[in-house]
């Protein structure tokens, strides 16, 4: 069985776990005291630990995760229902640095789910065995969002596509709601310095576009590369 991986809130020698986590470890996974787990502080630190009656006892020193620190911020309009939950989960698995919800003219306007999204991100880090917990910001009005960063804004029908996104390697990428950003919003973003880009001939659902955009931006930043490439591969790639 794969060793469980958990996000913890500090680097104490003995880490307390909540009732739900304790139940999952002992009743679902059927672990006993002394069982091995790995823990991360969500800021790039990882350590080995073991289950005890008092919680999780850290074994050995904390160390830096092999993966590089995330650098991509995903700005995404809030879709209906649980669509944004999926965006948070998948973007976290891919390794973004931050997720910024946007309030757009065509998207959801009154949302208070930040704590829910933070819980989803925490679970996604554990599932993907990551070491970096993305920052999830408060929902921002579109104008405030485009003024807070500058990168690539995805819009159906625009030119460019995946190759442009990969070549640009943006630190910020923005995805709109169902129906896309309005023309006024696109013009506002363009005036603020954002590059407007499409994602090919197909019309993608907003949650699909967000995951694709996050994957391309993270890949361009090297976040999906192997940590140590074999010498022959590195030479082929010009490393």
Foldseek 3Di string as FASTA:
>chain_A
DDAFEAAFQDDDQFGADDPVVVCCVCPVVVDDFQGKHKYAPQQQKIFIWTQDPRHTGTDDDIDGHLFDAAQAEEEEEAAPDCLVLLLLLLLLLLHHQAYEYEHAPPHDHDDDCQVVSQVSSRVSCRVSVHHHRHHYDDYDYLLVVLLVAEEEEEFPPFADALVNLLVRLTNYYYFYAVVTHDPVSVVSSVVSHHHYHYHDNDDDHRSVVSSSSSNSSCVSVVRPPDSDDPPVVCVVVVD
